Amino acid sequence: MADDDKRLRVQATTDPLTGLANRAAFLERARLEIQRAERSGRPLAVVLLDLDRFKSVNDRFGHPAGDRVLVGAATAISRTVRGIDLAARWGGEEFAVLLVEADESTAGVVVERIREAVAALAPPRVPVSVTASAGIAVHHGLFERSQVEGLLRRADAALYAAKRKGRNRAEFETSLVAPPSTPADVRLR
């Protein structure tokens, strides 16, 4: 019975194609990490990544080739992030990454490593290069109040900015000039 419970839990929280966490598991963990960040004062970052021009891979080489690209990208992402972080398949060709205790500087470095790992992919029988665009939103911890949905909206807006600026790049959210540093600066976002 315990094995059945474990199997059902894995099925409920894992994307079957990529083996990454699914959207529901990501949202649950992100809510917990935001609460922890607000108690501890440590930052965290939410990243949305989108494989650039993925539809053309499916159109030119077929859905099995697209699946190989998705699995390769998932592997590249999961090998790049730390064990305390969480990578998830957000949907389609989008991935979400939760970077625990990561400020702007750390998040920028990690996202560039992810983008480089994705660009280095050479999926079998897919003779095109794969690139990714990313949007990054940072929760600054103690003096900020955010919901996961707000962080995701901010990361999504940054992702669209990256795509508008030519793809194959990362952009940070632009909604916060400086992180709050006192209770008087608390922002609800």
Protein backbone atom coordinates (compact mmCIF):
# COMPACT_ATOMS: atom_id res chain seq x y z
CA MET A 1 0.00 0.00 0.00
CA ALA A 2 2.86 2.39 0.79
CA ASP A 3 4.33 1.75 -2.67
CA ASP A 4 0.99 2.59 -4.26
CA ASP A 5 0.78 5.83 -2.27
CA LYS A 6 4.30 6.79 -3.33
CA ARG A 7 3.57 5.96 -6.98
CA LEU A 8 0.38 8.05 -6.92
CA ARG A 9 2.20 10.96 -5.25
CA VAL A 10 4.90 10.88 -7.94
CA GLN A 11 2.28 10.74 -10.69
CA ALA A 12 0.44 13.71 -9.17
CA THR A 13 3.54 15.90 -8.90
CA THR A 14 5.69 14.94 -11.89
CA ASP A 15 5.51 15.79 -15.58
CA PRO A 16 5.41 12.40 -17.33
CA LEU A 17 7.51 13.42 -20.36
CA THR A 18 10.36 15.33 -18.74
CA GLY A 19 10.42 13.90 -15.23
CA LEU A 20 10.48 17.42 -13.78
CA ALA A 21 7.99 18.67 -11.23
CA ASN A 22 4.65 19.68 -12.70
CA ARG A 23 2.90 23.02 -12.35
CA ALA A 24 0.92 22.03 -9.24
CA ALA A 25 4.05 20.83 -7.41
CA PHE A 26 5.89 24.01 -8.41
CA LEU A 27 3.12 26.27 -7.13
CA GLU A 28 2.91 24.44 -3.81
CA ARG A 29 6.66 24.58 -3.21
CA ALA A 30 6.89 28.22 -4.35
CA ARG A 31 4.21 29.24 -1.83
CA LEU A 32 6.15 27.55 0.97
CA GLU A 33 9.45 29.14 -0.11
CA ILE A 34 7.89 32.61 -0.30
CA GLN A 35 6.59 32.21 3.26
CA ARG A 36 10.04 31.09 4.37
CA ALA A 37 11.71 34.01 2.57
CA GLU A 38 9.39 36.47 4.27
CA ARG A 39 10.26 34.98 7.68
CA SER A 40 14.00 34.63 7.11
CA GLY A 41 14.68 37.74 5.06
CA ARG A 42 16.43 35.71 2.36
CA PRO A 43 15.58 36.45 -1.29
CA LEU A 44 14.35 34.00 -3.90
CA ALA A 45 13.89 34.17 -7.64
CA VAL A 46 11.28 32.78 -9.98
CA VAL A 47 12.34 32.17 -13.57
CA LEU A 48 10.17 31.38 -16.58
CA LEU A 49 12.03 29.91 -19.56
CA ASP A 50 10.63 29.39 -23.02
CA LEU A 51 12.32 27.42 -25.79
CA ASP A 52 12.64 29.80 -28.73
CA ARG A 53 10.74 28.95 -31.90
CA PHE A 54 9.87 25.50 -30.59
CA LYS A 55 6.84 25.18 -32.86
CA SER A 56 9.16 25.08 -35.88
CA VAL A 57 10.92 22.00 -34.42
CA ASN A 58 7.58 20.17 -34.22
CA ASP A 59 6.54 21.40 -37.67
CA ARG A 60 9.82 20.50 -39.41
CA PHE A 61 10.83 17.30 -37.62
CA GLY A 62 7.67 15.99 -35.97
CA HIS A 63 6.43 15.73 -32.41
CA PRO A 64 8.80 12.91 -31.41
CA ALA A 65 11.70 15.26 -32.22
CA GLY A 66 10.01 18.00 -30.22
CA ASP A 67 9.70 15.60 -27.30
CA ARG A 68 13.43 14.83 -27.52
CA VAL A 69 14.16 18.57 -27.37
CA LEU A 70 11.88 18.99 -24.34
CA VAL A 71 13.50 16.07 -22.52
CA GLY A 72 16.97 17.40 -23.37
CA ALA A 73 16.09 20.88 -22.14
CA ALA A 74 14.61 19.46 -18.94
CA THR A 75 17.78 17.47 -18.33
CA ALA A 76 19.97 20.51 -19.01
CA ILE A 77 17.93 22.64 -16.60
CA SER A 78 17.81 20.06 -13.81
CA ARG A 79 21.56 19.44 -14.05
CA THR A 80 22.26 23.16 -13.83
CA VAL A 81 20.23 24.13 -10.76
CA ARG A 82 21.18 23.33 -7.18
CA GLY A 83 19.53 20.57 -5.18
CA ILE A 84 17.56 23.08 -3.10
CA ASP A 85 16.09 24.71 -6.20
CA LEU A 86 13.12 23.37 -8.15
CA ALA A 87 12.77 23.02 -11.91
CA ALA A 88 9.34 22.30 -13.36
CA ARG A 89 7.67 21.94 -16.70
CA TRP A 90 5.27 24.84 -16.75
CA GLY A 91 3.47 23.77 -19.91
CA GLY A 92 4.23 23.18 -23.58
CA GLU A 93 7.77 24.39 -24.15
CA GLU A 94 7.87 26.51 -20.99
CA PHE A 95 9.76 25.72 -17.82
CA ALA A 96 9.69 27.36 -14.40
CA VAL A 97 12.60 27.44 -11.98
CA LEU A 98 12.49 28.39 -8.31
CA LEU A 99 15.88 29.61 -7.09
CA VAL A 100 15.94 29.49 -3.30
CA GLU A 101 18.00 32.15 -1.51
CA ALA A 102 18.96 33.75 -4.82
CA ASP A 103 19.22 37.49 -5.36
CA GLU A 104 19.50 39.24 -8.73
CA SER A 105 23.18 38.48 -9.10
CA THR A 106 22.88 34.77 -8.29
CA ALA A 107 19.74 34.37 -10.40
CA GLY A 108 21.40 36.03 -13.38
CA VAL A 109 24.39 33.69 -13.20
CA VAL A 110 22.22 30.58 -12.86
CA VAL A 111 19.93 31.57 -15.72
CA GLU A 112 22.89 32.21 -18.03
CA ARG A 113 24.26 28.75 -17.16
CA ILE A 114 20.85 27.26 -17.95
CA ARG A 115 20.68 29.08 -21.28
CA GLU A 116 24.19 27.89 -22.18
CA ALA A 117 23.30 24.30 -21.24
CA VAL A 118 20.16 24.45 -23.41
CA ALA A 119 22.13 25.97 -26.31
CA ALA A 120 24.63 23.09 -26.08
CA LEU A 121 21.89 20.51 -26.65
CA ALA A 122 22.25 18.18 -29.60
CA PRO A 123 19.09 16.05 -29.44
CA PRO A 124 19.20 12.96 -31.68
CA ARG A 125 17.84 13.55 -35.19
CA VAL A 126 17.11 17.25 -34.55
CA PRO A 127 19.58 19.18 -36.74
CA VAL A 128 18.79 22.66 -35.37
CA SER A 129 20.16 24.65 -32.48
CA VAL A 130 17.95 25.16 -29.46
CA THR A 131 17.89 28.43 -27.54
CA ALA A 132 15.84 29.73 -24.63
CA SER A 133 14.55 33.08 -23.49
CA ALA A 134 14.03 33.76 -19.79
CA GLY A 135 12.25 36.16 -17.49
CA ILE A 136 13.39 36.60 -13.90
CA ALA A 137 11.47 38.02 -10.92
CA VAL A 138 13.05 38.36 -7.48
CA HIS A 139 11.32 38.34 -4.11
CA HIS A 140 13.50 40.29 -1.68
CA GLY A 141 12.48 38.54 1.49
CA LEU A 142 11.78 40.14 4.83
CA PHE A 143 10.34 43.49 3.73
CA GLU A 144 8.33 42.33 0.75
CA ARG A 145 4.98 40.61 0.59
CA SER A 146 4.22 38.67 -2.58
CA GLN A 147 2.04 35.91 -3.79
CA VAL A 148 3.46 33.31 -6.14
CA GLU A 149 1.02 34.43 -8.82
CA GLY A 150 2.43 37.96 -8.67
CA LEU A 151 5.99 36.71 -9.00
CA LEU A 152 4.98 34.57 -11.96
CA ARG A 153 3.26 37.53 -13.66
CA ARG A 154 6.41 39.61 -13.20
CA ALA A 155 8.63 36.82 -14.54
CA ASP A 156 6.26 36.35 -17.48
CA ALA A 157 6.39 40.06 -18.34
CA ALA A 158 10.20 39.87 -18.24
CA LEU A 159 10.10 36.78 -20.48
CA TYR A 160 8.02 38.65 -23.05
CA ALA A 161 10.50 41.54 -22.87
CA ALA A 162 13.33 39.06 -23.63
CA LYS A 163 11.41 37.78 -26.64
CA ARG A 164 10.69 41.32 -27.88
CA LYS A 165 14.39 42.14 -27.62
CA GLY A 166 15.35 39.30 -29.94
CA ARG A 167 15.07 36.02 -27.99
CA ASN A 168 17.94 33.87 -26.72
CA ARG A 169 18.41 36.16 -23.73
CA ALA A 170 17.29 36.76 -20.16
CA GLU A 171 15.57 39.82 -18.77
CA PHE A 172 14.81 40.86 -15.22
CA GLU A 173 11.50 42.31 -14.12
CA THR A 174 11.47 46.09 -14.16
CA SER A 175 8.73 46.82 -11.62
CA LEU A 176 10.98 47.42 -8.61
CA VAL A 177 13.63 50.15 -8.54
CA ALA A 178 15.37 49.00 -5.35
CA PRO A 179 14.69 46.18 -2.91
CA PRO A 180 12.86 47.25 0.24
CA SER A 181 15.17 47.61 3.24
CA THR A 182 12.92 48.73 6.09
CA PRO A 183 9.37 47.96 7.26
CA ALA A 184 8.35 51.37 5.89
CA ASP A 185 9.31 50.15 2.42
CA VAL A 186 7.20 46.99 2.55
CA ARG A 187 5.63 46.39 -0.81
CA LEU A 188 2.66 44.21 -1.58
CA ARG A 189 3.27 42.78 -5.05
